[in-house]
Amino acid sequence: MRLLHDYQGVPIRLTDERLNHILEHPEMVGLEGVIGETLSQPETVLGSISDPDAHLYYRLYTATLVGEKYLCVVVKFGQEDAFVVTA
C-alpha cells in the first residue's frame, strides 16, 4: 500500500490491488508515478455526479502511449480516510 497526498495535503491510500487494477489499463503502462502527481498537482478537481463522496482529479499529460490524454484519478472520501478507486 502507498500513502499519497493530494494538493491540500490530505492523505490518500492507494492499495496494491487498486494499483494493479489501474496498471492493467494499456494506456497506464509505465505511468505509475503520475497517479501521485495528478493528486498533488491537479489541473481540475470535480465532485462526482453519481457519488457525493467521490472526487475526480484531472491532469493533462502530453506524452503517453496513446498521445495527449487527461488522467482522471477517482478518490472516495470516507469518514476515516480517503482511497483511490481507479484512474
PDB file of N, CA and C in Angstrom:
ATOM      1  N   MET A   1       0.844  -1.189   0.000  1.00  0.00           N
ATOM      2  CA  MET A   1       0.000   0.000   0.000  1.00  0.00           C
ATOM      3  C   MET A   1       0.884   1.246   0.000  1.00  0.00           C
ATOM      4  N   ARG A   2       0.443   2.255  -0.714  1.00  0.00           N
ATOM      5  CA  ARG A   2       1.139   3.539  -0.760  1.00  0.00           C
ATOM      6  C   ARG A   2       0.237   4.593  -0.141  1.00  0.00           C
ATOM      7  N   LEU A   3       0.863   5.554   0.497  1.00  0.00           N
ATOM      8  CA  LEU A   3       0.119   6.684   1.038  1.00  0.00           C
ATOM      9  C   LEU A   3       0.525   7.914   0.241  1.00  0.00           C
ATOM     10  N   LEU A   4      -0.408   8.448  -0.521  1.00  0.00           N
ATOM     11  CA  LEU A   4      -0.188   9.634  -1.341  1.00  0.00           C
ATOM     12  C   LEU A   4      -0.868  10.813  -0.662  1.00  0.00           C
ATOM     13  N   HIS A   5      -0.599  12.017  -1.141  1.00  0.00           N
ATOM     14  CA  HIS A   5      -1.248  13.215  -0.599  1.00  0.00           C
ATOM     15  C   HIS A   5      -1.768  14.063  -1.750  1.00  0.00           C
ATOM     16  N   ASP A   6      -2.948  14.627  -1.560  1.00  0.00           N
ATOM     17  CA  ASP A   6      -3.484  15.489  -2.608  1.00  0.00           C
ATOM     18  C   ASP A   6      -2.944  16.907  -2.447  1.00  0.00           C
ATOM     19  N   TYR A   7      -3.412  17.814  -3.270  1.00  0.00           N
ATOM     20  CA  TYR A   7      -2.912  19.192  -3.297  1.00  0.00           C
ATOM     21  C   TYR A   7      -3.199  19.955  -2.011  1.00  0.00           C
ATOM     22  N   GLN A   8      -4.102  19.452  -1.179  1.00  0.00           N
ATOM     23  CA  GLN A   8      -4.398  20.080   0.108  1.00  0.00           C
ATOM     24  C   GLN A   8      -3.708  19.363   1.260  1.00  0.00           C
ATOM     25  N   GLY A   9      -2.885  18.374   0.936  1.00  0.00           N
ATOM     26  CA  GLY A   9      -2.171  17.617   1.951  1.00  0.00           C
ATOM     27  C   GLY A   9      -2.966  16.481   2.564  1.00  0.00           C
ATOM     28  N   VAL A  10      -4.128  16.184   2.021  1.00  0.00           N
ATOM     29  CA  VAL A  10      -4.970  15.105   2.540  1.00  0.00           C
ATOM     30  C   VAL A  10      -4.335  13.758   2.175  1.00  0.00           C
ATOM     31  N   PRO A  11      -4.116  12.876   3.155  1.00  0.00           N
ATOM     32  CA  PRO A  11      -3.565  11.556   2.838  1.00  0.00           C
ATOM     33  C   PRO A  11      -4.592  10.685   2.112  1.00  0.00           C
ATOM     34  N   ILE A  12      -4.121  10.000   1.067  1.00  0.00           N
ATOM     35  CA  ILE A  12      -4.986   9.154   0.241  1.00  0.00           C
ATOM     36  C   ILE A  12      -4.293   7.810   0.048  1.00  0.00           C
ATOM     37  N   ARG A  13      -4.990   6.741   0.414  1.00  0.00           N
ATOM     38  CA  ARG A  13      -4.445   5.389   0.275  1.00  0.00           C
ATOM     39  C   ARG A  13      -4.555   4.907  -1.167  1.00  0.00           C
ATOM     40  N   LEU A  14      -3.494   4.249  -1.618  1.00  0.00           N
ATOM     41  CA  LEU A  14      -3.506   3.544  -2.899  1.00  0.00           C
ATOM     42  C   LEU A  14      -3.085   2.111  -2.601  1.00  0.00           C
ATOM     43  N   THR A  15      -4.051   1.201  -2.570  1.00  0.00           N
ATOM     44  CA  THR A  15      -3.746  -0.190  -2.240  1.00  0.00           C
ATOM     45  C   THR A  15      -3.068  -0.876  -3.420  1.00  0.00           C
ATOM     46  N   ASP A  16      -2.364  -1.960  -3.120  1.00  0.00           N
ATOM     47  CA  ASP A  16      -1.719  -2.736  -4.178  1.00  0.00           C
ATOM     48  C   ASP A  16      -2.758  -3.275  -5.160  1.00  0.00           C
ATOM     49  N   GLU A  17      -3.909  -3.681  -4.647  1.00  0.00           N
ATOM     50  CA  GLU A  17      -4.967  -4.213  -5.510  1.00  0.00           C
ATOM     51  C   GLU A  17      -5.457  -3.149  -6.491  1.00  0.00           C
ATOM     52  N   ARG A  18      -5.681  -1.930  -6.013  1.00  0.00           N
ATOM     53  CA  ARG A  18      -6.148  -0.840  -6.887  1.00  0.00           C
ATOM     54  C   ARG A  18      -5.057  -0.450  -7.879  1.00  0.00           C
ATOM     55  N   LEU A  19      -3.795  -0.401  -7.413  1.00  0.00           N
ATOM     56  CA  LEU A  19      -2.692  -0.061  -8.309  1.00  0.00           C
ATOM     57  C   LEU A  19      -2.576  -1.099  -9.422  1.00  0.00           C
ATOM     58  N   ASN A  20      -2.650  -2.371  -9.075  1.00  0.00           N
ATOM     59  CA  ASN A  20      -2.580  -3.420 -10.098  1.00  0.00           C
ATOM     60  C   ASN A  20      -3.724  -3.292 -11.095  1.00  0.00           C
ATOM     61  N   HIS A  21      -4.917  -2.982 -10.606  1.00  0.00           N
ATOM     62  CA  HIS A  21      -6.070  -2.772 -11.497  1.00  0.00           C
ATOM     63  C   HIS A  21      -5.798  -1.618 -12.467  1.00  0.00           C
ATOM     64  N   ILE A  22      -5.293  -0.515 -11.944  1.00  0.00           N
ATOM     65  CA  ILE A  22      -5.015   0.660 -12.776  1.00  0.00           C
ATOM     66  C   ILE A  22      -3.957   0.341 -13.826  1.00  0.00           C
ATOM     67  N   LEU A  23      -2.902  -0.371 -13.421  1.00  0.00           N
ATOM     68  CA  LEU A  23      -1.806  -0.657 -14.340  1.00  0.00           C
ATOM     69  C   LEU A  23      -2.164  -1.720 -15.380  1.00  0.00           C
ATOM     70  N   GLU A  24      -3.319  -2.366 -15.239  1.00  0.00           N
ATOM     71  CA  GLU A  24      -3.801  -3.279 -16.276  1.00  0.00           C
ATOM     72  C   GLU A  24      -4.317  -2.516 -17.496  1.00  0.00           C
ATOM     73  N   HIS A  25      -4.611  -1.239 -17.340  1.00  0.00           N
ATOM     74  CA  HIS A  25      -5.058  -0.420 -18.469  1.00  0.00           C
ATOM     75  C   HIS A  25      -3.847  -0.167 -19.371  1.00  0.00           C
ATOM     76  N   PRO A  26      -3.922  -0.527 -20.649  1.00  0.00           N
ATOM     77  CA  PRO A  26      -2.762  -0.379 -21.536  1.00  0.00           C
ATOM     78  C   PRO A  26      -2.201   1.041 -21.582  1.00  0.00           C
ATOM     79  N   GLU A  27      -3.063   2.034 -21.483  1.00  0.00           N
ATOM     80  CA  GLU A  27      -2.595   3.423 -21.549  1.00  0.00           C
ATOM     81  C   GLU A  27      -1.848   3.863 -20.293  1.00  0.00           C
ATOM     82  N   MET A  28      -1.860   3.030 -19.239  1.00  0.00           N
ATOM     83  CA  MET A  28      -1.187   3.380 -17.987  1.00  0.00           C
ATOM     84  C   MET A  28       0.176   2.707 -17.831  1.00  0.00           C
ATOM     85  N   VAL A  29       0.606   1.921 -18.810  1.00  0.00           N
ATOM     86  CA  VAL A  29       1.897   1.244 -18.737  1.00  0.00           C
ATOM     87  C   VAL A  29       3.008   2.275 -18.550  1.00  0.00           C
ATOM     88  N   GLY A  30       3.811   2.089 -17.513  1.00  0.00           N
ATOM     89  CA  GLY A  30       4.934   2.981 -17.239  1.00  0.00           C
ATOM     90  C   GLY A  30       4.556   4.310 -16.621  1.00  0.00           C
ATOM     91  N   LEU A  31       3.302   4.491 -16.259  1.00  0.00           N
ATOM     92  CA  LEU A  31       2.849   5.784 -15.737  1.00  0.00           C
ATOM     93  C   LEU A  31       2.419   5.722 -14.270  1.00  0.00           C
ATOM     94  N   GLU A  32       2.949   4.772 -13.516  1.00  0.00           N
ATOM     95  CA  GLU A  32       2.574   4.629 -12.107  1.00  0.00           C
ATOM     96  C   GLU A  32       2.779   5.931 -11.331  1.00  0.00           C
ATOM     97  N   GLY A  33       3.871   6.633 -11.595  1.00  0.00           N
ATOM     98  CA  GLY A  33       4.192   7.853 -10.859  1.00  0.00           C
ATOM     99  C   GLY A  33       3.243   9.012 -11.089  1.00  0.00           C
ATOM    100  N   VAL A  34       2.522   9.003 -12.194  1.00  0.00           N
ATOM    101  CA  VAL A  34       1.648  10.140 -12.481  1.00  0.00           C
ATOM    102  C   VAL A  34       0.375  10.132 -11.634  1.00  0.00           C
ATOM    103  N   ILE A  35       0.079   9.021 -10.984  1.00  0.00           N
ATOM    104  CA  ILE A  35      -1.097   8.978 -10.112  1.00  0.00           C
ATOM    105  C   ILE A  35      -0.910   9.957  -8.957  1.00  0.00           C
ATOM    106  N   GLY A  36       0.222   9.864  -8.277  1.00  0.00           N
ATOM    107  CA  GLY A  36       0.515  10.791  -7.179  1.00  0.00           C
ATOM    108  C   GLY A  36       0.652  12.222  -7.654  1.00  0.00           C
ATOM    109  N   GLU A  37       1.266  12.401  -8.830  1.00  0.00           N
ATOM    110  CA  GLU A  37       1.422  13.744  -9.387  1.00  0.00           C
ATOM    111  C   GLU A  37       0.063  14.369  -9.697  1.00  0.00           C
ATOM    112  N   THR A  38      -0.849  13.579 -10.224  1.00  0.00           N
ATOM    113  CA  THR A  38      -2.188  14.084 -10.536  1.00  0.00           C
ATOM    114  C   THR A  38      -2.918  14.496  -9.265  1.00  0.00           C
ATOM    115  N   LEU A  39      -2.743  13.740  -8.191  1.00  0.00           N
ATOM    116  CA  LEU A  39      -3.379  14.099  -6.922  1.00  0.00           C
ATOM    117  C   LEU A  39      -2.769  15.360  -6.318  1.00  0.00           C
ATOM    118  N   SER A  40      -1.452  15.470  -6.371  1.00  0.00           N
ATOM    119  CA  SER A  40      -0.785  16.602  -5.715  1.00  0.00           C
ATOM    120  C   SER A  40      -0.763  17.869  -6.562  1.00  0.00           C
ATOM    121  N   GLN A  41      -0.902  17.720  -7.894  1.00  0.00           N
ATOM    122  CA  GLN A  41      -0.854  18.879  -8.783  1.00  0.00           C
ATOM    123  C   GLN A  41      -1.943  18.786  -9.862  1.00  0.00           C
ATOM    124  N   PRO A  42      -3.188  18.665  -9.467  1.00  0.00           N
ATOM    125  CA  PRO A  42      -4.250  18.536 -10.474  1.00  0.00           C
ATOM    126  C   PRO A  42      -4.498  19.856 -11.193  1.00  0.00           C
ATOM    127  N   GLU A  43      -5.002  19.766 -12.408  1.00  0.00           N
ATOM    128  CA  GLU A  43      -5.446  20.967 -13.114  1.00  0.00           C
ATOM    129  C   GLU A  43      -6.868  21.316 -12.700  1.00  0.00           C
ATOM    130  N   THR A  44      -7.653  20.283 -12.406  1.00  0.00           N
ATOM    131  CA  THR A  44      -9.051  20.462 -12.016  1.00  0.00           C
ATOM    132  C   THR A  44      -9.448  19.338 -11.069  1.00  0.00           C
ATOM    133  N   VAL A  45     -10.287  19.668 -10.099  1.00  0.00           N
ATOM    134  CA  VAL A  45     -10.883  18.655  -9.226  1.00  0.00           C
ATOM    135  C   VAL A  45     -12.389  18.883  -9.235  1.00  0.00           C
ATOM    136  N   LEU A  46     -13.123  17.826  -9.553  1.00  0.00           N
ATOM    137  CA  LEU A  46     -14.581  17.919  -9.623  1.00  0.00           C
ATOM    138  C   LEU A  46     -15.212  16.906  -8.682  1.00  0.00           C
ATOM    139  N   GLY A  47     -16.374  17.243  -8.174  1.00  0.00           N
ATOM    140  CA  GLY A  47     -17.152  16.278  -7.411  1.00  0.00           C
ATOM    141  C   GLY A  47     -17.852  15.339  -8.368  1.00  0.00           C
ATOM    142  N   SER A  48     -18.002  14.095  -7.954  1.00  0.00           N
ATOM    143  CA  SER A  48     -18.684  13.109  -8.784  1.00  0.00           C
ATOM    144  C   SER A  48     -20.184  13.382  -8.813  1.00  0.00           C
ATOM    145  N   ILE A  49     -20.773  13.220  -9.972  1.00  0.00           N
ATOM    146  CA  ILE A  49     -22.222  13.366 -10.109  1.00  0.00           C
ATOM    147  C   ILE A  49     -22.941  12.176  -9.475  1.00  0.00           C
ATOM    148  N   SER A  50     -22.342  10.991  -9.592  1.00  0.00           N
ATOM    149  CA  SER A  50     -23.012   9.772  -9.129  1.00  0.00           C
ATOM    150  C   SER A  50     -22.719   9.410  -7.676  1.00  0.00           C
ATOM    151  N   ASP A  51     -21.659   9.995  -7.086  1.00  0.00           N
ATOM    152  CA  ASP A  51     -21.300   9.657  -5.706  1.00  0.00           C
ATOM    153  C   ASP A  51     -20.802  10.915  -5.001  1.00  0.00           C
ATOM    154  N   PRO A  52     -21.570  11.442  -4.059  1.00  0.00           N
ATOM    155  CA  PRO A  52     -21.170  12.682  -3.389  1.00  0.00           C
ATOM    156  C   PRO A  52     -19.896  12.553  -2.554  1.00  0.00           C
ATOM    157  N   ASP A  53     -19.455  11.325  -2.286  1.00  0.00           N
ATOM    158  CA  ASP A  53     -18.238  11.111  -1.504  1.00  0.00           C
ATOM    159  C   ASP A  53     -17.002  10.922  -2.378  1.00  0.00           C
ATOM    160  N   ALA A  54     -17.143  11.059  -3.687  1.00  0.00           N
ATOM    161  CA  ALA A  54     -16.020  10.854  -4.602  1.00  0.00           C
ATOM    162  C   ALA A  54     -15.641  12.159  -5.293  1.00  0.00           C
ATOM    163  N   HIS A  55     -14.331  12.326  -5.492  1.00  0.00           N
ATOM    164  CA  HIS A  55     -13.802  13.467  -6.229  1.00  0.00           C
ATOM    165  C   HIS A  55     -12.956  12.955  -7.385  1.00  0.00           C
ATOM    166  N   LEU A  56     -12.968  13.696  -8.483  1.00  0.00           N
ATOM    167  CA  LEU A  56     -12.217  13.331  -9.677  1.00  0.00           C
ATOM    168  C   LEU A  56     -11.120  14.370  -9.893  1.00  0.00           C
ATOM    169  N   TYR A  57      -9.871  13.915  -9.847  1.00  0.00           N
ATOM    170  CA  TYR A  57      -8.693  14.774 -10.011  1.00  0.00           C
ATOM    171  C   TYR A  57      -8.198  14.609 -11.446  1.00  0.00           C
ATOM    172  N   TYR A  58      -8.075  15.712 -12.186  1.00  0.00           N
ATOM    173  CA  TYR A  58      -7.675  15.671 -13.589  1.00  0.00           C
ATOM    174  C   TYR A  58      -6.351  16.402 -13.808  1.00  0.00           C
ATOM    175  N   ARG A  59      -5.517  15.803 -14.675  1.00  0.00           N
ATOM    176  CA  ARG A  59      -4.282  16.456 -15.104  1.00  0.00           C
ATOM    177  C   ARG A  59      -3.976  15.986 -16.531  1.00  0.00           C
ATOM    178  N   LEU A  60      -3.556  16.923 -17.378  1.00  0.00           N
ATOM    179  CA  LEU A  60      -3.234  16.612 -18.772  1.00  0.00           C
ATOM    180  C   LEU A  60      -1.792  16.130 -18.890  1.00  0.00           C
ATOM    181  N   TYR A  61      -1.620  15.037 -19.625  1.00  0.00           N
ATOM    182  CA  TYR A  61      -0.288  14.515 -19.951  1.00  0.00           C
ATOM    183  C   TYR A  61      -0.176  14.453 -21.468  1.00  0.00           C
ATOM    184  N   THR A  62       0.917  14.982 -21.994  1.00  0.00           N
ATOM    185  CA  THR A  62       1.075  15.061 -23.447  1.00  0.00           C
ATOM    186  C   THR A  62       1.845  13.882 -24.023  1.00  0.00           C
ATOM    187  N   ALA A  63       2.622  13.178 -23.205  1.00  0.00           N
ATOM    188  CA  ALA A  63       3.457  12.086 -23.721  1.00  0.00           C
ATOM    189  C   ALA A  63       3.046  10.760 -23.093  1.00  0.00           C
ATOM    190  N   THR A  64       1.962  10.180 -23.595  1.00  0.00           N
ATOM    191  CA  THR A  64       1.549   8.846 -23.158  1.00  0.00           C
ATOM    192  C   THR A  64       1.572   7.922 -24.367  1.00  0.00           C
ATOM    193  N   LEU A  65       1.362   6.642 -24.125  1.00  0.00           N
ATOM    194  CA  LEU A  65       1.347   5.684 -25.233  1.00  0.00           C
ATOM    195  C   LEU A  65       0.237   5.967 -26.236  1.00  0.00           C
ATOM    196  N   VAL A  66      -0.799   6.672 -25.792  1.00  0.00           N
ATOM    197  CA  VAL A  66      -1.927   6.985 -26.683  1.00  0.00           C
ATOM    198  C   VAL A  66      -1.984   8.472 -27.025  1.00  0.00           C
ATOM    199  N   GLY A  67      -0.865   9.158 -26.849  1.00  0.00           N
ATOM    200  CA  GLY A  67      -0.812  10.580 -27.167  1.00  0.00           C
ATOM    201  C   GLY A  67      -1.261  11.441 -26.000  1.00  0.00           C
ATOM    202  N   GLU A  68      -1.716  12.645 -26.322  1.00  0.00           N
ATOM    203  CA  GLU A  68      -2.161  13.588 -25.298  1.00  0.00           C
ATOM    204  C   GLU A  68      -3.428  13.063 -24.625  1.00  0.00           C
ATOM    205  N   LYS A  69      -3.419  13.054 -23.282  1.00  0.00           N
ATOM    206  CA  LYS A  69      -4.550  12.460 -22.574  1.00  0.00           C
ATOM    207  C   LYS A  69      -4.671  13.070 -21.185  1.00  0.00           C
ATOM    208  N   TYR A  70      -5.918  13.300 -20.766  1.00  0.00           N
ATOM    209  CA  TYR A  70      -6.176  13.678 -19.381  1.00  0.00           C
ATOM    210  C   TYR A  70      -6.209  12.414 -18.539  1.00  0.00           C
ATOM    211  N   LEU A  71      -5.498  12.436 -17.424  1.00  0.00           N
ATOM    212  CA  LEU A  71      -5.612  11.360 -16.451  1.00  0.00           C
ATOM    213  C   LEU A  71      -6.625  11.801 -15.410  1.00  0.00           C
ATOM    214  N   CYS A  72      -7.542  10.923 -15.082  1.00  0.00           N
ATOM    215  CA  CYS A  72      -8.532  11.171 -14.042  1.00  0.00           C
ATOM    216  C   CYS A  72      -8.314  10.150 -12.937  1.00  0.00           C
ATOM    217  N   VAL A  73      -8.003  10.626 -11.738  1.00  0.00           N
ATOM    218  CA  VAL A  73      -7.865   9.754 -10.576  1.00  0.00           C
ATOM    219  C   VAL A  73      -9.111   9.948  -9.725  1.00  0.00           C
ATOM    220  N   VAL A  74      -9.830   8.855  -9.487  1.00  0.00           N
ATOM    221  CA  VAL A  74     -11.070   8.902  -8.711  1.00  0.00           C
ATOM    222  C   VAL A  74     -10.757   8.520  -7.271  1.00  0.00           C
ATOM    223  N   VAL A  75     -11.118   9.411  -6.347  1.00  0.00           N
ATOM    224  CA  VAL A  75     -10.842   9.208  -4.923  1.00  0.00           C
ATOM    225  C   VAL A  75     -12.155   9.208  -4.156  1.00  0.00           C
ATOM    226  N   LYS A  76     -12.311   8.211  -3.309  1.00  0.00           N
ATOM    227  CA  LYS A  76     -13.501   8.098  -2.450  1.00  0.00           C
ATOM    228  C   LYS A  76     -13.110   8.555  -1.047  1.00  0.00           C
ATOM    229  N   PHE A  77     -13.892   9.486  -0.504  1.00  0.00           N
ATOM    230  CA  PHE A  77     -13.644  10.009   0.836  1.00  0.00           C
ATOM    231  C   PHE A  77     -14.633   9.385   1.809  1.00  0.00           C
ATOM    232  N   GLY A  78     -14.101   8.756   2.858  1.00  0.00           N
ATOM    233  CA  GLY A  78     -14.935   8.183   3.904  1.00  0.00           C
ATOM    234  C   GLY A  78     -14.820   9.008   5.170  1.00  0.00           C
ATOM    235  N   GLN A  79     -15.434   8.534   6.225  1.00  0.00           N
ATOM    236  CA  GLN A  79     -15.378   9.257   7.496  1.00  0.00           C
ATOM    237  C   GLN A  79     -13.979   9.230   8.098  1.00  0.00           C
ATOM    238  N   GLU A  80     -13.227   8.153   7.834  1.00  0.00           N
ATOM    239  CA  GLU A  80     -11.920   7.998   8.469  1.00  0.00           C
ATOM    240  C   GLU A  80     -10.747   8.224   7.532  1.00  0.00           C
ATOM    241  N   ASP A  81     -10.933   8.011   6.229  1.00  0.00           N
ATOM    242  CA  ASP A  81      -9.820   8.183   5.306  1.00  0.00           C
ATOM    243  C   ASP A  81     -10.324   8.332   3.876  1.00  0.00           C
ATOM    244  N   ALA A  82      -9.366   8.412   2.960  1.00  0.00           N
ATOM    245  CA  ALA A  82      -9.677   8.522   1.535  1.00  0.00           C
ATOM    246  C   ALA A  82      -8.824   7.500   0.793  1.00  0.00           C
ATOM    247  N   PHE A  83      -9.349   6.992  -0.331  1.00  0.00           N
ATOM    248  CA  PHE A  83      -8.588   5.998  -1.081  1.00  0.00           C
ATOM    249  C   PHE A  83      -8.871   6.133  -2.572  1.00  0.00           C
ATOM    250  N   VAL A  84      -7.877   5.729  -3.377  1.00  0.00           N
ATOM    251  CA  VAL A  84      -8.010   5.745  -4.832  1.00  0.00           C
ATOM    252  C   VAL A  84      -8.903   4.580  -5.248  1.00  0.00           C
ATOM    253  N   VAL A  85      -9.908   4.883  -6.057  1.00  0.00           N
ATOM    254  CA  VAL A  85     -10.798   3.858  -6.601  1.00  0.00           C
ATOM    255  C   VAL A  85     -10.256   3.361  -7.934  1.00  0.00           C
ATOM    256  N   THR A  86      -9.930   4.300  -8.819  1.00  0.00           N
ATOM    257  CA  THR A  86      -9.405   3.946 -10.137  1.00  0.00           C
ATOM    258  C   THR A  86      -8.772   5.178 -10.774  1.00  0.00           C
ATOM    259  N   ALA A  87      -8.132   4.954 -11.912  1.00  0.00           N
ATOM    260  CA  ALA A  87      -7.548   6.055 -12.689  1.00  0.00           C
ATOM    261  C   ALA A  87      -7.583   5.670 -14.154  1.00  0.00           C
TER     262      ALA A  87
END
